Amino acid sequence: MTLLVDAFTILAVLAGLVFFIAGTTGLLRFPDTASRLHALTKADHLGLGLIVLGLLPRAAGIDGALRLLAIWGLVLLSSAAVGPMIARLARLRRPGE
């Protein structure tokens, strides 16, 4: 059973890292702010979710699991609040308009 939990943790964390790398690539390669924000937030939400899912079996009891889920929830809420603010600021500061 331990080998199965280890394999699940490794696969979930590696899948999360792949999404983080994809989001970073989108941040660096996409041409405008809106598409950069979209790529970064979507990939980071899924990447962090997979990492949290992979770490849940490793959590020290229900308290540790709830902390992991709380961190993921706070990241979701903060990016949902900050993303539109950054997009609005970028729209206001466009050169030539």
PDB file of N, CA and C in Angstrom:
ATOM      1  N   MET A   1       0.827  -1.196   0.000  1.00  0.00           N
ATOM      2  CA  MET A   1       0.000   0.000   0.000  1.00  0.00           C
ATOM      3  C   MET A   1       0.868   1.255   0.000  1.00  0.00           C
ATOM      4  N   THR A   2       1.989   1.201   0.711  1.00  0.00           N
ATOM      5  CA  THR A   2       2.874   2.360   0.766  1.00  0.00           C
ATOM      6  C   THR A   2       3.447   2.673  -0.606  1.00  0.00           C
ATOM      7  N   LEU A   3       3.761   1.635  -1.367  1.00  0.00           N
ATOM      8  CA  LEU A   3       4.296   1.849  -2.714  1.00  0.00           C
ATOM      9  C   LEU A   3       3.259   2.527  -3.606  1.00  0.00           C
ATOM     10  N   LEU A   4       2.010   2.161  -3.456  1.00  0.00           N
ATOM     11  CA  LEU A   4       0.945   2.773  -4.247  1.00  0.00           C
ATOM     12  C   LEU A   4       0.760   4.249  -3.876  1.00  0.00           C
ATOM     13  N   VAL A   5       0.813   4.554  -2.589  1.00  0.00           N
ATOM     14  CA  VAL A   5       0.689   5.945  -2.140  1.00  0.00           C
ATOM     15  C   VAL A   5       1.888   6.756  -2.619  1.00  0.00           C
ATOM     16  N   ASP A   6       3.079   6.165  -2.548  1.00  0.00           N
ATOM     17  CA  ASP A   6       4.278   6.852  -3.046  1.00  0.00           C
ATOM     18  C   ASP A   6       4.164   7.152  -4.538  1.00  0.00           C
ATOM     19  N   ALA A   7       3.707   6.173  -5.304  1.00  0.00           N
ATOM     20  CA  ALA A   7       3.562   6.369  -6.747  1.00  0.00           C
ATOM     21  C   ALA A   7       2.526   7.447  -7.052  1.00  0.00           C
ATOM     22  N   PHE A   8       1.409   7.442  -6.325  1.00  0.00           N
ATOM     23  CA  PHE A   8       0.375   8.462  -6.523  1.00  0.00           C
ATOM     24  C   PHE A   8       0.922   9.852  -6.210  1.00  0.00           C
ATOM     25  N   THR A   9       1.651   9.972  -5.104  1.00  0.00           N
ATOM     26  CA  THR A   9       2.222  11.266  -4.723  1.00  0.00           C
ATOM     27  C   THR A   9       3.192  11.761  -5.778  1.00  0.00           C
ATOM     28  N   ILE A  10       4.063  10.892  -6.239  1.00  0.00           N
ATOM     29  CA  ILE A  10       5.052  11.293  -7.238  1.00  0.00           C
ATOM     30  C   ILE A  10       4.370  11.699  -8.538  1.00  0.00           C
ATOM     31  N   LEU A  11       3.398  10.922  -8.997  1.00  0.00           N
ATOM     32  CA  LEU A  11       2.712  11.254 -10.255  1.00  0.00           C
ATOM     33  C   LEU A  11       1.930  12.556 -10.160  1.00  0.00           C
ATOM     34  N   ALA A  12       1.242  12.763  -9.048  1.00  0.00           N
ATOM     35  CA  ALA A  12       0.449  13.983  -8.910  1.00  0.00           C
ATOM     36  C   ALA A  12       1.346  15.217  -8.821  1.00  0.00           C
ATOM     37  N   VAL A  13       2.436  15.125  -8.068  1.00  0.00           N
ATOM     38  CA  VAL A  13       3.340  16.272  -7.937  1.00  0.00           C
ATOM     39  C   VAL A  13       4.029  16.553  -9.269  1.00  0.00           C
ATOM     40  N   LEU A  14       4.444  15.520  -9.980  1.00  0.00           N
ATOM     41  CA  LEU A  14       5.065  15.733 -11.291  1.00  0.00           C
ATOM     42  C   LEU A  14       4.072  16.333 -12.288  1.00  0.00           C
ATOM     43  N   ALA A  15       2.831  15.889 -12.255  1.00  0.00           N
ATOM     44  CA  ALA A  15       1.818  16.477 -13.140  1.00  0.00           C
ATOM     45  C   ALA A  15       1.593  17.944 -12.785  1.00  0.00           C
ATOM     46  N   GLY A  16       1.594  18.259 -11.507  1.00  0.00           N
ATOM     47  CA  GLY A  16       1.466  19.650 -11.083  1.00  0.00           C
ATOM     48  C   GLY A  16       2.628  20.497 -11.563  1.00  0.00           C
ATOM     49  N   LEU A  17       3.826  19.944 -11.501  1.00  0.00           N
ATOM     50  CA  LEU A  17       4.998  20.670 -11.987  1.00  0.00           C
ATOM     51  C   LEU A  17       4.926  20.919 -13.491  1.00  0.00           C
ATOM     52  N   VAL A  18       4.380  19.968 -14.223  1.00  0.00           N
ATOM     53  CA  VAL A  18       4.218  20.155 -15.664  1.00  0.00           C
ATOM     54  C   VAL A  18       3.292  21.339 -15.940  1.00  0.00           C
ATOM     55  N   PHE A  19       2.209  21.451 -15.173  1.00  0.00           N
ATOM     56  CA  PHE A  19       1.305  22.580 -15.363  1.00  0.00           C
ATOM     57  C   PHE A  19       1.953  23.898 -14.961  1.00  0.00           C
ATOM     58  N   PHE A  20       2.777  23.891 -13.902  1.00  0.00           N
ATOM     59  CA  PHE A  20       3.503  25.106 -13.527  1.00  0.00           C
ATOM     60  C   PHE A  20       4.460  25.532 -14.641  1.00  0.00           C
ATOM     61  N   ILE A  21       5.145  24.581 -15.233  1.00  0.00           N
ATOM     62  CA  ILE A  21       6.066  24.893 -16.333  1.00  0.00           C
ATOM     63  C   ILE A  21       5.293  25.423 -17.546  1.00  0.00           C
ATOM     64  N   ALA A  22       4.131  24.822 -17.833  1.00  0.00           N
ATOM     65  CA  ALA A  22       3.308  25.305 -18.951  1.00  0.00           C
ATOM     66  C   ALA A  22       2.820  26.726 -18.693  1.00  0.00           C
ATOM     67  N   GLY A  23       2.421  27.025 -17.481  1.00  0.00           N
ATOM     68  CA  GLY A  23       1.978  28.379 -17.151  1.00  0.00           C
ATOM     69  C   GLY A  23       3.097  29.390 -17.258  1.00  0.00           C
ATOM     70  N   THR A  24       4.285  29.006 -16.814  1.00  0.00           N
ATOM     71  CA  THR A  24       5.432  29.903 -16.926  1.00  0.00           C
ATOM     72  C   THR A  24       5.810  30.127 -18.380  1.00  0.00           C
ATOM     73  N   THR A  25       5.720  29.083 -19.182  1.00  0.00           N
ATOM     74  CA  THR A  25       5.996  29.229 -20.604  1.00  0.00           C
ATOM     75  C   THR A  25       4.988  30.180 -21.251  1.00  0.00           C
ATOM     76  N   GLY A  26       3.719  30.045 -20.888  1.00  0.00           N
ATOM     77  CA  GLY A  26       2.702  30.958 -21.409  1.00  0.00           C
ATOM     78  C   GLY A  26       2.948  32.392 -20.967  1.00  0.00           C
ATOM     79  N   LEU A  27       3.400  32.563 -19.738  1.00  0.00           N
ATOM     80  CA  LEU A  27       3.705  33.903 -19.234  1.00  0.00           C
ATOM     81  C   LEU A  27       4.827  34.549 -20.045  1.00  0.00           C
ATOM     82  N   LEU A  28       5.800  33.764 -20.421  1.00  0.00           N
ATOM     83  CA  LEU A  28       6.951  34.304 -21.144  1.00  0.00           C
ATOM     84  C   LEU A  28       6.721  34.441 -22.640  1.00  0.00           C
ATOM     85  N   ARG A  29       5.837  33.623 -23.222  1.00  0.00           N
ATOM     86  CA  ARG A  29       5.719  33.576 -24.674  1.00  0.00           C
ATOM     87  C   ARG A  29       4.514  34.305 -25.256  1.00  0.00           C
ATOM     88  N   PHE A  30       3.432  34.450 -24.504  1.00  0.00           N
ATOM     89  CA  PHE A  30       2.238  35.062 -25.069  1.00  0.00           C
ATOM     90  C   PHE A  30       2.419  36.563 -25.237  1.00  0.00           C
ATOM     91  N   PRO A  31       1.751  37.147 -26.243  1.00  0.00           N
ATOM     92  CA  PRO A  31       2.043  38.528 -26.608  1.00  0.00           C
ATOM     93  C   PRO A  31       1.410  39.601 -25.721  1.00  0.00           C
ATOM     94  N   ASP A  32       0.211  39.373 -25.211  1.00  0.00           N
ATOM     95  CA  ASP A  32      -0.441  40.448 -24.459  1.00  0.00           C
ATOM     96  C   ASP A  32      -0.716  40.023 -23.020  1.00  0.00           C
ATOM     97  N   THR A  33      -1.058  41.016 -22.220  1.00  0.00           N
ATOM     98  CA  THR A  33      -1.220  40.797 -20.781  1.00  0.00           C
ATOM     99  C   THR A  33      -2.378  39.867 -20.467  1.00  0.00           C
ATOM    100  N   ALA A  34      -3.480  40.003 -21.178  1.00  0.00           N
ATOM    101  CA  ALA A  34      -4.650  39.177 -20.889  1.00  0.00           C
ATOM    102  C   ALA A  34      -4.368  37.695 -21.124  1.00  0.00           C
ATOM    103  N   SER A  35      -3.731  37.374 -22.238  1.00  0.00           N
ATOM    104  CA  SER A  35      -3.435  35.965 -22.506  1.00  0.00           C
ATOM    105  C   SER A  35      -2.364  35.439 -21.558  1.00  0.00           C
ATOM    106  N   ARG A  36      -1.426  36.273 -21.165  1.00  0.00           N
ATOM    107  CA  ARG A  36      -0.422  35.860 -20.183  1.00  0.00           C
ATOM    108  C   ARG A  36      -1.066  35.548 -18.837  1.00  0.00           C
ATOM    109  N   LEU A  37      -1.957  36.430 -18.396  1.00  0.00           N
ATOM    110  CA  LEU A  37      -2.650  36.200 -17.126  1.00  0.00           C
ATOM    111  C   LEU A  37      -3.508  34.945 -17.186  1.00  0.00           C
ATOM    112  N   HIS A  38      -4.189  34.747 -18.289  1.00  0.00           N
ATOM    113  CA  HIS A  38      -5.049  33.576 -18.440  1.00  0.00           C
ATOM    114  C   HIS A  38      -4.225  32.294 -18.343  1.00  0.00           C
ATOM    115  N   ALA A  39      -3.132  32.238 -19.095  1.00  0.00           N
ATOM    116  CA  ALA A  39      -2.287  31.042 -19.078  1.00  0.00           C
ATOM    117  C   ALA A  39      -1.705  30.802 -17.695  1.00  0.00           C
ATOM    118  N   LEU A  40      -1.252  31.853 -17.072  1.00  0.00           N
ATOM    119  CA  LEU A  40      -0.599  31.707 -15.771  1.00  0.00           C
ATOM    120  C   LEU A  40      -1.591  31.269 -14.694  1.00  0.00           C
ATOM    121  N   THR A  41      -2.733  31.916 -14.613  1.00  0.00           N
ATOM    122  CA  THR A  41      -3.661  31.581 -13.529  1.00  0.00           C
ATOM    123  C   THR A  41      -4.281  30.199 -13.720  1.00  0.00           C
ATOM    124  N   LYS A  42      -4.684  29.865 -14.919  1.00  0.00           N
ATOM    125  CA  LYS A  42      -5.315  28.559 -15.134  1.00  0.00           C
ATOM    126  C   LYS A  42      -4.333  27.430 -14.870  1.00  0.00           C
ATOM    127  N   ALA A  43      -3.135  27.548 -15.379  1.00  0.00           N
ATOM    128  CA  ALA A  43      -2.150  26.492 -15.187  1.00  0.00           C
ATOM    129  C   ALA A  43      -1.712  26.400 -13.727  1.00  0.00           C
ATOM    130  N   ASP A  44      -1.587  27.533 -13.061  1.00  0.00           N
ATOM    131  CA  ASP A  44      -1.175  27.514 -11.660  1.00  0.00           C
ATOM    132  C   ASP A  44      -2.261  26.943 -10.757  1.00  0.00           C
ATOM    133  N   HIS A  45      -3.528  27.223 -11.059  1.00  0.00           N
ATOM    134  CA  HIS A  45      -4.605  26.651 -10.251  1.00  0.00           C
ATOM    135  C   HIS A  45      -4.594  25.128 -10.344  1.00  0.00           C
ATOM    136  N   LEU A  46      -4.503  24.633 -11.551  1.00  0.00           N
ATOM    137  CA  LEU A  46      -4.503  23.181 -11.731  1.00  0.00           C
ATOM    138  C   LEU A  46      -3.213  22.562 -11.205  1.00  0.00           C
ATOM    139  N   GLY A  47      -2.086  23.220 -11.437  1.00  0.00           N
ATOM    140  CA  GLY A  47      -0.814  22.696 -10.946  1.00  0.00           C
ATOM    141  C   GLY A  47      -0.780  22.609  -9.435  1.00  0.00           C
ATOM    142  N   LEU A  48      -1.206  23.660  -8.759  1.00  0.00           N
ATOM    143  CA  LEU A  48      -1.233  23.644  -7.298  1.00  0.00           C
ATOM    144  C   LEU A  48      -2.251  22.637  -6.784  1.00  0.00           C
ATOM    145  N   GLY A  49      -3.373  22.520  -7.465  1.00  0.00           N
ATOM    146  CA  GLY A  49      -4.375  21.524  -7.069  1.00  0.00           C
ATOM    147  C   GLY A  49      -3.829  20.110  -7.146  1.00  0.00           C
ATOM    148  N   LEU A  50      -3.093  19.803  -8.198  1.00  0.00           N
ATOM    149  CA  LEU A  50      -2.502  18.476  -8.323  1.00  0.00           C
ATOM    150  C   LEU A  50      -1.425  18.233  -7.271  1.00  0.00           C
ATOM    151  N   ILE A  51      -0.643  19.249  -6.969  1.00  0.00           N
ATOM    152  CA  ILE A  51       0.388  19.094  -5.948  1.00  0.00           C
ATOM    153  C   ILE A  51      -0.254  18.887  -4.581  1.00  0.00           C
ATOM    154  N   VAL A  52      -1.292  19.651  -4.279  1.00  0.00           N
ATOM    155  CA  VAL A  52      -1.997  19.466  -3.007  1.00  0.00           C
ATOM    156  C   VAL A  52      -2.626  18.076  -2.951  1.00  0.00           C
ATOM    157  N   LEU A  53      -3.216  17.637  -4.044  1.00  0.00           N
ATOM    158  CA  LEU A  53      -3.810  16.302  -4.095  1.00  0.00           C
ATOM    159  C   LEU A  53      -2.755  15.222  -3.866  1.00  0.00           C
ATOM    160  N   GLY A  54      -1.579  15.429  -4.436  1.00  0.00           N
ATOM    161  CA  GLY A  54      -0.506  14.461  -4.231  1.00  0.00           C
ATOM    162  C   GLY A  54       0.052  14.467  -2.824  1.00  0.00           C
ATOM    163  N   LEU A  55       0.012  15.616  -2.164  1.00  0.00           N
ATOM    164  CA  LEU A  55       0.547  15.708  -0.807  1.00  0.00           C
ATOM    165  C   LEU A  55      -0.464  15.343   0.270  1.00  0.00           C
ATOM    166  N   LEU A  56      -1.733  15.270  -0.058  1.00  0.00           N
ATOM    167  CA  LEU A  56      -2.755  14.937   0.941  1.00  0.00           C
ATOM    168  C   LEU A  56      -2.501  13.595   1.638  1.00  0.00           C
ATOM    169  N   PRO A  57      -2.121  12.537   0.914  1.00  0.00           N
ATOM    170  CA  PRO A  57      -1.840  11.290   1.645  1.00  0.00           C
ATOM    171  C   PRO A  57      -0.627  11.399   2.573  1.00  0.00           C
ATOM    172  N   ARG A  58       0.228  12.348   2.345  1.00  0.00           N
ATOM    173  CA  ARG A  58       1.417  12.555   3.170  1.00  0.00           C
ATOM    174  C   ARG A  58       1.168  13.489   4.342  1.00  0.00           C
ATOM    175  N   ALA A  59       0.004  14.080   4.408  1.00  0.00           N
ATOM    176  CA  ALA A  59      -0.303  15.049   5.465  1.00  0.00           C
ATOM    177  C   ALA A  59      -0.316  14.353   6.824  1.00  0.00           C
ATOM    178  N   ALA A  60       0.115  15.107   7.827  1.00  0.00           N
ATOM    179  CA  ALA A  60       0.152  14.589   9.197  1.00  0.00           C
ATOM    180  C   ALA A  60      -1.231  14.738   9.826  1.00  0.00           C
ATOM    181  N   GLY A  61      -2.122  13.850   9.494  1.00  0.00           N
ATOM    182  CA  GLY A  61      -3.465  13.878  10.065  1.00  0.00           C
ATOM    183  C   GLY A  61      -4.398  14.805   9.314  1.00  0.00           C
ATOM    184  N   ILE A  62      -5.586  14.922   9.861  1.00  0.00           N
ATOM    185  CA  ILE A  62      -6.611  15.748   9.233  1.00  0.00           C
ATOM    186  C   ILE A  62      -6.253  17.224   9.308  1.00  0.00           C
ATOM    187  N   ASP A  63      -5.518  17.608  10.354  1.00  0.00           N
ATOM    188  CA  ASP A  63      -5.099  19.000  10.511  1.00  0.00           C
ATOM    189  C   ASP A  63      -4.173  19.424   9.367  1.00  0.00           C
ATOM    190  N   GLY A  64      -3.219  18.590   9.039  1.00  0.00           N
ATOM    191  CA  GLY A  64      -2.311  18.901   7.929  1.00  0.00           C
ATOM    192  C   GLY A  64      -3.024  18.934   6.593  1.00  0.00           C
ATOM    193  N   ALA A  65      -3.977  18.015   6.408  1.00  0.00           N
ATOM    194  CA  ALA A  65      -4.744  17.996   5.162  1.00  0.00           C
ATOM    195  C   ALA A  65      -5.590  19.260   5.018  1.00  0.00           C
ATOM    196  N   LEU A  66      -6.202  19.689   6.113  1.00  0.00           N
ATOM    197  CA  LEU A  66      -6.999  20.911   6.061  1.00  0.00           C
ATOM    198  C   LEU A  66      -6.132  22.136   5.801  1.00  0.00           C
ATOM    199  N   ARG A  67      -4.919  22.143   6.317  1.00  0.00           N
ATOM    200  CA  ARG A  67      -4.003  23.254   6.034  1.00  0.00           C
ATOM    201  C   ARG A  67      -3.638  23.305   4.553  1.00  0.00           C
ATOM    202  N   LEU A  68      -3.359  22.142   3.968  1.00  0.00           N
ATOM    203  CA  LEU A  68      -3.050  22.112   2.529  1.00  0.00           C
ATOM    204  C   LEU A  68      -4.230  22.629   1.716  1.00  0.00           C
ATOM    205  N   LEU A  69      -5.417  22.178   2.051  1.00  0.00           N
ATOM    206  CA  LEU A  69      -6.603  22.634   1.326  1.00  0.00           C
ATOM    207  C   LEU A  69      -6.869  24.117   1.546  1.00  0.00           C
ATOM    208  N   ALA A  70      -6.575  24.610   2.740  1.00  0.00           N
ATOM    209  CA  ALA A  70      -6.751  26.042   3.012  1.00  0.00           C
ATOM    210  C   ALA A  70      -5.773  26.873   2.199  1.00  0.00           C
ATOM    211  N   ILE A  71      -4.534  26.406   2.067  1.00  0.00           N
ATOM    212  CA  ILE A  71      -3.552  27.120   1.252  1.00  0.00           C
ATOM    213  C   ILE A  71      -4.014  27.175  -0.191  1.00  0.00           C
ATOM    214  N   TRP A  72      -4.496  26.049  -0.705  1.00  0.00           N
ATOM    215  CA  TRP A  72      -4.968  26.024  -2.091  1.00  0.00           C
ATOM    216  C   TRP A  72      -6.160  26.966  -2.265  1.00  0.00           C
ATOM    217  N   GLY A  73      -7.071  26.949  -1.315  1.00  0.00           N
ATOM    218  CA  GLY A  73      -8.229  27.839  -1.396  1.00  0.00           C
ATOM    219  C   GLY A  73      -7.844  29.310  -1.344  1.00  0.00           C
ATOM    220  N   LEU A  74      -6.885  29.651  -0.497  1.00  0.00           N
ATOM    221  CA  LEU A  74      -6.437  31.044  -0.419  1.00  0.00           C
ATOM    222  C   LEU A  74      -5.760  31.493  -1.710  1.00  0.00           C
ATOM    223  N   VAL A  75      -5.006  30.607  -2.318  1.00  0.00           N
ATOM    224  CA  VAL A  75      -4.376  30.949  -3.593  1.00  0.00           C
ATOM    225  C   VAL A  75      -5.444  31.164  -4.668  1.00  0.00           C
ATOM    226  N   LEU A  76      -6.463  30.321  -4.689  1.00  0.00           N
ATOM    227  CA  LEU A  76      -7.550  30.493  -5.654  1.00  0.00           C
ATOM    228  C   LEU A  76      -8.268  31.829  -5.458  1.00  0.00           C
ATOM    229  N   LEU A  77      -8.559  32.153  -4.213  1.00  0.00           N
ATOM    230  CA  LEU A  77      -9.249  33.417  -3.936  1.00  0.00           C
ATOM    231  C   LEU A  77      -8.391  34.633  -4.250  1.00  0.00           C
ATOM    232  N   SER A  78      -7.123  34.570  -3.887  1.00  0.00           N
ATOM    233  CA  SER A  78      -6.267  35.738  -4.119  1.00  0.00           C
ATOM    234  C   SER A  78      -6.012  35.962  -5.604  1.00  0.00           C
ATOM    235  N   SER A  79      -5.824  34.899  -6.354  1.00  0.00           N
ATOM    236  CA  SER A  79      -5.598  35.101  -7.787  1.00  0.00           C
ATOM    237  C   SER A  79      -6.873  35.540  -8.498  1.00  0.00           C
ATOM    238  N   ALA A  80      -8.015  35.106  -7.989  1.00  0.00           N
ATOM    239  CA  ALA A  80      -9.284  35.574  -8.567  1.00  0.00           C
ATOM    240  C   ALA A  80      -9.495  37.055  -8.300  1.00  0.00           C
ATOM    241  N   ALA A  81      -8.949  37.551  -7.217  1.00  0.00           N
ATOM    242  CA  ALA A  81      -9.088  38.973  -6.898  1.00  0.00           C
ATOM    243  C   ALA A  81      -8.025  39.819  -7.593  1.00  0.00           C
ATOM    244  N   VAL A  82      -6.810  39.318  -7.672  1.00  0.00           N
ATOM    245  CA  VAL A  82      -5.697  40.117  -8.178  1.00  0.00           C
ATOM    246  C   VAL A  82      -5.620  40.082  -9.708  1.00  0.00           C
ATOM    247  N   GLY A  83      -6.013  38.980 -10.333  1.00  0.00           N
ATOM    248  CA  GLY A  83      -5.936  38.869 -11.790  1.00  0.00           C
ATOM    249  C   GLY A  83      -6.677  39.963 -12.529  1.00  0.00           C
ATOM    250  N   PRO A  84      -7.941  40.213 -12.213  1.00  0.00           N
ATOM    251  CA  PRO A  84      -8.648  41.306 -12.885  1.00  0.00           C
ATOM    252  C   PRO A  84      -8.050  42.684 -12.595  1.00  0.00           C
ATOM    253  N   MET A  85      -7.499  42.855 -11.402  1.00  0.00           N
ATOM    254  CA  MET A  85      -6.856  44.140 -11.092  1.00  0.00           C
ATOM    255  C   MET A  85      -5.642  44.375 -11.978  1.00  0.00           C
ATOM    256  N   ILE A  86      -4.843  43.348 -12.172  1.00  0.00           N
ATOM    257  CA  ILE A  86      -3.669  43.474 -13.035  1.00  0.00           C
ATOM    258  C   ILE A  86      -4.096  43.731 -14.475  1.00  0.00           C
ATOM    259  N   ALA A  87      -5.132  43.027 -14.939  1.00  0.00           N
ATOM    260  CA  ALA A  87      -5.618  43.229 -16.303  1.00  0.00           C
ATOM    261  C   ALA A  87      -6.149  44.646 -16.502  1.00  0.00           C
ATOM    262  N   ARG A  88      -6.879  45.161 -15.528  1.00  0.00           N
ATOM    263  CA  ARG A  88      -7.404  46.522 -15.620  1.00  0.00           C
ATOM    264  C   ARG A  88      -6.269  47.541 -15.634  1.00  0.00           C
ATOM    265  N   LEU A  89      -5.271  47.348 -14.795  1.00  0.00           N
ATOM    266  CA  LEU A  89      -4.134  48.251 -14.758  1.00  0.00           C
ATOM    267  C   LEU A  89      -3.357  48.213 -16.071  1.00  0.00           C
ATOM    268  N   ALA A  90      -3.192  47.033 -16.636  1.00  0.00           N
ATOM    269  CA  ALA A  90      -2.481  46.915 -17.912  1.00  0.00           C
ATOM    270  C   ALA A  90      -3.265  47.597 -19.023  1.00  0.00           C
ATOM    271  N   ARG A  91      -4.599  47.489 -18.983  1.00  0.00           N
ATOM    272  CA  ARG A  91      -5.420  48.149 -20.003  1.00  0.00           C
ATOM    273  C   ARG A  91      -5.316  49.653 -19.898  1.00  0.00           C
ATOM    274  N   LEU A  92      -5.235  50.181 -18.701  1.00  0.00           N
ATOM    275  CA  LEU A  92      -5.115  51.627 -18.511  1.00  0.00           C
ATOM    276  C   LEU A  92      -3.753  52.153 -18.909  1.00  0.00           C
ATOM    277  N   ARG A  93      -2.737  51.327 -18.835  1.00  0.00           N
ATOM    278  CA  ARG A  93      -1.370  51.777 -19.124  1.00  0.00           C
ATOM    279  C   ARG A  93      -0.869  51.389 -20.510  1.00  0.00           C
ATOM    280  N   ARG A  94      -1.755  51.004 -21.400  1.00  0.00           N
ATOM    281  CA  ARG A  94      -1.310  50.644 -22.756  1.00  0.00           C
ATOM    282  C   ARG A  94      -0.711  51.859 -23.441  1.00  0.00           C
ATOM    283  N   PRO A  95       0.465  51.686 -24.040  1.00  0.00           N
ATOM    284  CA  PRO A  95       1.070  52.820 -24.754  1.00  0.00           C
ATOM    285  C   PRO A  95       0.325  53.124 -26.049  1.00  0.00           C
ATOM    286  N   GLY A  96       0.174  54.403 -26.329  1.00  0.00           N
ATOM    287  CA  GLY A  96      -0.441  54.834 -27.586  1.00  0.00           C
ATOM    288  C   GLY A  96      -1.946  54.901 -27.559  1.00  0.00           C
ATOM    289  N   GLU A  97      -2.563  54.652 -26.441  1.00  0.00           N
ATOM    290  CA  GLU A  97      -4.034  54.722 -26.395  1.00  0.00           C
ATOM    291  C   GLU A  97      -4.491  55.762 -25.425  1.00  0.00           C
TER     292      GLU A  97
END
